């Protein structure tokens, strides 16, 4: 049976549309705000996730988190803007609830590889219902990151598994190849040509293809484990780095899922997202780094050169499905 009633869905969608959720449950408010950044106002993603990070990492008293969110998000205090005729397509919400209400056994993490890929595919599929307006809002969100503009000015280089061979022991290339071989992974989780949008959405096309190449590189370089915990945290990191809508979508969906089920401490789950987000905000821009030229370098040397410490969470391991 679905966990969400029509009344709950209606209230959630209304709050996500306006960006002003009820604050009687701060974790639910965080999920609604993430959905606002994913499906309504992607250009507000930095403000939303900065506010969530402050509320869950800087506020010791959970009862004060609602006040922290209200204080940091200016549209809570401003006179409401005139309503727009545009609304998030209902098909987007229907696909979102289809994932939220699904059996959590198919959620990402330590589950078998095919289950994790199935979950990824279902989150990706929500985006197939985006209309031109929502896609354009996602496009503009990428340009909040100057590094995306730099990336678009570079020639596109797509690494292959063969490019990872024959590098010195303990280099980025050899470590990445060893990890992929041991786990049975591919350099790209899905075919990058399957995520193409019309050419007008140049930033989304380029960054979507790019992160399929770099996701596992960043796992190793930035110190995110190949666990459910690591996948949640790196999603916050990726979002902070270049405004990826898939990451916003993933985080909104999983936060709603975990908030509706007694599987984890939801406040610790949101804190984990916030930690990954902060790590990404504090790291230098990494999308335009020419990683294919650095495969022979050690990860330790690259971290020192770029001033990036490995990710370390203060939250316990939460996600052992």
Protein backbone atom coordinates (compact mmCIF):
# COMPACT_ATOMS: atom_id res chain seq x y z
CA UNK A 1 0.00 0.00 0.00
CA UNK A 2 1.26 3.51 -0.72
CA UNK A 3 2.56 5.33 2.34
CA UNK A 4 1.37 8.67 1.00
CA UNK A 5 -2.26 9.72 0.95
CA UNK A 6 -3.74 12.11 -1.57
CA UNK A 7 -3.92 14.80 1.14
CA UNK A 8 -0.27 14.33 2.06
CA UNK A 9 0.77 14.44 -1.57
CA UNK A 10 -1.27 17.57 -2.22
CA UNK A 11 0.23 19.38 0.77
CA UNK A 12 3.76 18.27 -0.17
CA UNK A 13 3.36 19.38 -3.79
CA UNK A 14 1.92 22.74 -2.74
CA UNK A 15 4.82 23.40 -0.37
CA UNK A 16 7.33 22.28 -2.97
CA UNK A 17 5.76 24.57 -5.54
CA UNK A 18 5.95 27.67 -3.33
CA UNK A 19 9.10 26.78 -1.42
CA UNK A 20 7.28 27.52 1.84
CA UNK A 21 6.48 24.20 3.52
CA UNK A 22 4.82 23.83 6.91
CA UNK A 23 7.55 23.94 9.56
CA UNK A 24 5.93 21.81 12.26
CA UNK A 25 8.16 18.92 11.11
CA UNK A 26 11.61 20.24 10.10
CA UNK A 27 12.70 16.95 8.41
CA UNK A 28 9.58 16.98 6.26
CA UNK A 29 10.19 20.68 5.54
CA UNK A 30 13.72 19.78 4.38
CA UNK A 31 12.35 17.14 1.99
CA UNK A 32 9.82 19.64 0.63
CA UNK A 33 12.54 22.28 0.16
CA UNK A 34 14.73 19.77 -1.68
CA UNK A 35 11.78 18.97 -3.94
CA UNK A 36 11.30 22.71 -4.49
CA UNK A 37 14.93 22.94 -5.66
CA UNK A 38 14.55 19.84 -7.83
CA UNK A 39 11.15 20.28 -9.45
CA UNK A 40 10.08 23.92 -9.13
CA UNK A 41 12.92 26.43 -8.63
CA UNK A 42 16.31 24.85 -9.36
CA UNK A 43 17.96 28.28 -9.24
CA UNK A 44 17.25 28.32 -5.50
CA UNK A 45 19.25 25.15 -4.85
CA UNK A 46 22.25 26.92 -3.31
CA UNK A 47 20.10 28.92 -0.90
CA UNK A 48 18.04 25.84 -0.01
CA UNK A 49 20.96 23.50 0.69
CA UNK A 50 23.01 26.15 2.48
CA UNK A 51 20.03 26.73 4.76
CA UNK A 52 19.53 23.01 5.37
CA UNK A 53 23.24 22.55 6.11
CA UNK A 54 23.21 25.36 8.66
CA UNK A 55 20.02 24.08 10.29
CA UNK A 56 21.29 20.49 10.65
CA UNK A 57 24.99 21.07 11.28
CA UNK A 58 25.04 24.31 13.29
CA UNK A 59 21.82 24.13 15.32
CA UNK A 60 22.17 21.85 18.34
CA UNK A 61 18.52 21.95 19.38
CA UNK A 62 16.28 20.18 16.83
CA UNK A 63 13.35 22.36 17.87
CA UNK A 64 15.22 25.42 16.57
CA UNK A 65 15.74 24.08 13.06
CA UNK A 66 12.47 25.47 11.75
CA UNK A 67 13.40 28.94 12.95
CA UNK A 68 16.82 28.58 11.32
CA UNK A 69 15.24 27.69 7.96
CA UNK A 70 12.80 30.58 8.20
CA UNK A 71 15.59 33.00 9.09
CA UNK A 72 17.86 31.98 6.21
CA UNK A 73 15.44 31.66 3.31
CA UNK A 74 14.35 35.15 2.26
CA UNK A 75 11.17 34.07 0.47
CA UNK A 76 9.75 32.97 3.83
CA UNK A 77 9.70 36.66 4.80
CA UNK A 78 9.13 38.44 1.51
CA UNK A 79 5.75 39.40 0.15
CA UNK A 80 4.70 36.47 -2.03
CA UNK A 81 5.40 37.01 -5.71
CA UNK A 82 2.43 36.96 -8.08
CA UNK A 83 1.53 33.40 -8.90
CA UNK A 84 2.85 32.05 -12.19
CA UNK A 85 0.76 30.15 -14.66
CA UNK A 86 3.51 27.52 -14.80
CA UNK A 87 3.43 24.60 -12.41
CA UNK A 88 5.51 21.48 -12.10
CA UNK A 89 3.96 18.93 -14.49
CA UNK A 90 1.76 16.49 -12.62
CA UNK A 91 3.52 13.64 -14.39
CA UNK A 92 6.72 14.64 -12.57
CA UNK A 93 4.97 14.33 -9.22
CA UNK A 94 3.37 11.02 -10.19
CA UNK A 95 6.79 9.60 -11.10
CA UNK A 96 8.29 11.01 -7.87
CA UNK A 97 5.62 9.35 -5.72
CA UNK A 98 6.10 6.13 -7.64
CA UNK A 99 9.70 6.05 -6.41
CA UNK A 100 8.94 7.29 -2.88
CA UNK A 101 6.26 4.64 -2.33
CA UNK A 102 8.33 1.79 -3.79
CA UNK A 103 9.75 -1.06 -1.74
CA UNK A 104 12.88 0.29 0.01
CA UNK A 105 14.66 -2.99 -0.77
CA UNK A 106 15.32 -1.45 -4.18
CA UNK A 107 16.99 1.61 -2.66
CA UNK A 108 20.66 2.39 -3.38
CA UNK A 109 23.65 1.29 -1.36
CA UNK A 110 24.83 -2.08 -0.14
CA UNK A 111 22.00 -3.77 -2.04
CA UNK A 112 22.99 -5.86 -5.05
CA UNK A 113 24.33 -3.87 -7.97
CA UNK A 114 21.27 -4.46 -10.16
CA UNK A 115 18.96 -3.10 -7.42
CA UNK A 116 21.07 0.03 -7.03
CA UNK A 117 21.07 0.55 -10.79
CA UNK A 118 17.31 0.01 -10.89
CA UNK A 119 16.85 2.73 -8.29
CA UNK A 120 19.15 5.05 -10.23
CA UNK A 121 17.14 4.36 -13.37
CA UNK A 122 13.83 5.15 -11.69
CA UNK A 123 15.17 8.47 -10.36
CA UNK A 124 16.55 9.27 -13.82
CA UNK A 125 13.12 8.45 -15.28
CA UNK A 126 11.44 11.22 -13.27
CA UNK A 127 13.29 13.66 -15.51
CA UNK A 128 11.63 12.25 -18.62
CA UNK A 129 8.48 14.08 -17.55
CA UNK A 130 10.12 17.51 -17.33
CA UNK A 131 8.65 20.09 -19.67
CA UNK A 132 10.64 22.74 -21.54
CA UNK A 133 10.21 25.32 -18.77
CA UNK A 134 11.54 23.06 -16.02
CA UNK A 135 14.44 21.98 -18.21
CA UNK A 136 15.32 25.62 -18.86
CA UNK A 137 15.23 26.33 -15.11
CA UNK A 138 17.62 23.42 -14.59
CA UNK A 139 19.84 24.81 -17.34
CA UNK A 140 20.04 28.22 -15.69
CA UNK A 141 20.91 26.59 -12.36
CA UNK A 142 24.10 25.18 -13.88
CA UNK A 143 25.26 28.67 -14.77
CA UNK A 144 25.28 29.63 -11.09
CA UNK A 145 28.61 27.76 -11.18
CA UNK A 146 31.36 29.54 -13.11
CA UNK A 147 33.17 26.23 -13.54
CA UNK A 148 30.37 25.03 -15.82
CA UNK A 149 31.06 27.94 -18.16
CA UNK A 150 34.74 26.98 -18.15
CA UNK A 151 33.88 23.35 -18.89
CA UNK A 152 31.74 24.35 -21.87
CA UNK A 153 34.74 26.16 -23.33
CA UNK A 154 36.91 23.04 -23.23
CA UNK A 155 37.06 20.26 -25.83
CA UNK A 156 35.19 17.18 -24.63
CA UNK A 157 37.34 14.21 -23.63
CA UNK A 158 35.70 10.93 -22.71
CA UNK A 159 37.87 8.41 -20.90
CA UNK A 160 37.59 4.68 -21.49
CA UNK A 161 38.57 1.74 -19.32
CA UNK A 162 41.63 1.23 -21.53
CA UNK A 163 42.80 4.74 -20.58
CA UNK A 164 43.13 3.50 -16.99
CA UNK A 165 45.60 0.71 -17.79
CA UNK A 166 49.37 0.67 -17.29
CA UNK A 167 49.65 3.50 -14.80
CA UNK A 168 51.99 3.25 -11.79
CA UNK A 169 50.85 1.44 -8.68
CA UNK A 170 48.78 3.63 -6.34
CA UNK A 171 48.12 6.22 -9.02
CA UNK A 172 44.63 7.57 -9.65
CA UNK A 173 44.38 5.54 -12.85
CA UNK A 174 45.47 2.24 -11.31
CA UNK A 175 43.35 2.73 -8.18
CA UNK A 176 40.30 3.53 -10.29
CA UNK A 177 40.81 0.49 -12.52
CA UNK A 178 41.33 -1.78 -9.50
CA UNK A 179 38.13 -0.51 -7.88
CA UNK A 180 36.07 -0.90 -11.05
CA UNK A 181 37.41 -4.42 -11.62
CA UNK A 182 36.86 -5.52 -8.01
CA UNK A 183 33.27 -4.27 -7.90
CA UNK A 184 32.28 -5.19 -11.42
CA UNK A 185 31.50 -1.57 -12.23
CA UNK A 186 31.79 0.30 -15.50
CA UNK A 187 33.50 3.65 -15.90
CA UNK A 188 30.08 5.06 -16.81
CA UNK A 189 27.07 3.79 -14.89
CA UNK A 190 24.73 4.30 -17.83
CA UNK A 191 25.26 5.08 -21.50
CA UNK A 192 25.99 8.83 -21.69
CA UNK A 193 24.20 9.07 -25.02
CA UNK A 194 20.99 7.95 -23.29
CA UNK A 195 20.83 11.17 -21.24
CA UNK A 196 20.97 13.60 -24.13
CA UNK A 197 18.54 16.51 -24.28
CA UNK A 198 17.92 18.86 -27.21
CA UNK A 199 21.03 20.92 -28.07
CA UNK A 200 19.60 24.09 -26.48
CA UNK A 201 20.31 22.50 -23.09
CA UNK A 202 24.07 22.51 -23.61
CA UNK A 203 25.07 22.74 -19.93
CA UNK A 204 22.92 19.79 -18.91
CA UNK A 205 24.13 17.65 -21.81
CA UNK A 206 27.77 18.35 -21.10
CA UNK A 207 27.63 18.02 -17.32
CA UNK A 208 25.46 14.89 -17.43
CA UNK A 209 27.99 13.17 -19.68
CA UNK A 210 30.90 14.55 -17.67
CA UNK A 211 29.73 13.33 -14.26
CA UNK A 212 29.13 9.83 -15.60
CA UNK A 213 32.89 9.84 -16.25
CA UNK A 214 33.87 11.53 -13.00
CA UNK A 215 31.51 10.07 -10.38
CA UNK A 216 33.86 7.24 -9.40
CA UNK A 217 36.92 9.48 -9.82
CA UNK A 218 35.43 11.82 -7.22
CA UNK A 219 34.50 8.89 -4.96
CA UNK A 220 38.21 8.06 -4.72
CA UNK A 221 39.64 11.57 -4.84
CA UNK A 222 37.23 13.18 -2.35
CA UNK A 223 37.10 10.15 -0.06
CA UNK A 224 33.49 8.98 -0.34
CA UNK A 225 33.04 5.31 0.41
CA UNK A 226 31.31 2.95 -2.01
CA UNK A 227 28.43 2.42 0.40
CA UNK A 228 24.91 3.80 0.73
CA UNK A 229 26.33 6.40 3.10
CA UNK A 230 28.90 7.42 0.50
CA UNK A 231 26.35 7.62 -2.33
CA UNK A 232 24.10 9.95 -0.33
CA UNK A 233 26.97 12.20 0.71
CA UNK A 234 28.56 12.38 -2.75
CA UNK A 235 25.20 13.44 -4.17
CA UNK A 236 25.36 16.52 -1.96
CA UNK A 237 28.96 17.05 -3.06
CA UNK A 238 28.08 16.84 -6.76
CA UNK A 239 25.14 19.19 -6.36
CA UNK A 240 27.36 21.76 -4.65
CA UNK A 241 29.99 21.47 -7.37
CA UNK A 242 27.89 22.05 -10.47
CA UNK A 243 24.16 22.16 -9.71
CA UNK A 244 23.27 18.71 -11.08
CA UNK A 245 19.51 18.28 -11.09
CA UNK A 246 19.78 14.50 -10.85
CA UNK A 247 21.48 14.93 -7.49
CA UNK A 248 18.77 17.29 -6.25
CA UNK A 249 16.14 14.83 -7.49
CA UNK A 250 17.90 11.89 -5.81
CA UNK A 251 18.24 13.74 -2.49
CA UNK A 252 14.63 14.97 -2.48
CA UNK A 253 13.38 11.46 -3.25
CA UNK A 254 15.51 9.62 -0.70
CA UNK A 255 14.82 12.18 2.04
CA UNK A 256 11.08 11.83 1.46
CA UNK A 257 11.46 8.03 1.48
CA UNK A 258 13.46 7.95 4.69
CA UNK A 259 11.19 10.46 6.39
CA UNK A 260 8.18 8.21 5.78
CA UNK A 261 9.81 4.99 7.01
CA UNK A 262 11.43 4.16 10.38
CA UNK A 263 14.57 2.85 8.66
CA UNK A 264 17.03 5.51 9.78
CA UNK A 265 17.28 8.53 12.04
CA UNK A 266 16.00 11.12 9.57
CA UNK A 267 17.90 13.99 11.20
CA UNK A 268 21.17 12.06 10.84
CA UNK A 269 20.28 11.30 7.22
CA UNK A 270 19.74 15.00 6.45
CA UNK A 271 22.96 15.86 8.31
CA UNK A 272 24.82 13.39 6.06
CA UNK A 273 23.48 15.17 2.98
CA UNK A 274 24.50 18.50 4.51
CA UNK A 275 28.02 17.24 5.19
CA UNK A 276 28.45 16.13 1.58
CA UNK A 277 27.07 19.47 0.38
CA UNK A 278 29.48 21.44 2.57
CA UNK A 279 32.40 19.33 1.42
CA UNK A 280 31.51 20.21 -2.16
CA UNK A 281 31.06 23.90 -1.37
CA UNK A 282 34.46 24.10 0.32
CA UNK A 283 36.36 22.17 -2.37
CA UNK A 284 37.71 24.02 -5.41
CA UNK A 285 35.81 23.64 -8.70
CA UNK A 286 36.48 20.16 -10.03
CA UNK A 287 34.35 19.72 -13.15
CA UNK A 288 36.78 21.48 -15.48
CA UNK A 289 39.86 19.76 -14.04
CA UNK A 290 41.50 17.72 -16.81
CA UNK A 291 41.40 14.44 -14.91
CA UNK A 292 42.53 12.40 -17.93
CA UNK A 293 45.90 14.15 -17.65
CA UNK A 294 46.23 13.28 -13.94
CA UNK A 295 45.75 9.50 -14.05
CA UNK A 296 49.43 8.88 -13.31
CA UNK A 297 49.41 11.01 -10.13
CA UNK A 298 48.74 9.69 -6.65
CA UNK A 299 45.45 10.61 -5.01
CA UNK A 300 47.31 11.87 -1.94
CA UNK A 301 49.38 14.27 -4.05
CA UNK A 302 46.32 15.51 -5.94
CA UNK A 303 44.46 16.15 -2.69
CA UNK A 304 47.38 18.12 -1.31
CA UNK A 305 47.77 20.15 -4.49
CA UNK A 306 44.06 21.00 -4.70
CA UNK A 307 43.59 21.43 -0.94
CA UNK A 308 40.84 18.82 -0.67
CA UNK A 309 40.66 16.68 2.46
CA UNK A 310 38.99 13.26 2.25
CA UNK A 311 35.36 13.32 3.32
CA UNK A 312 34.75 12.47 6.94
CA UNK A 313 31.25 12.24 8.35
CA UNK A 314 30.30 12.69 11.97
CA UNK A 315 27.13 10.65 11.42
CA UNK A 316 27.10 6.88 12.01
CA UNK A 317 26.61 4.34 9.24
CA UNK A 318 22.87 4.57 8.71
CA UNK A 319 21.96 2.71 5.60
CA UNK A 320 22.40 -1.01 5.91
CA UNK A 321 19.49 -2.32 3.86
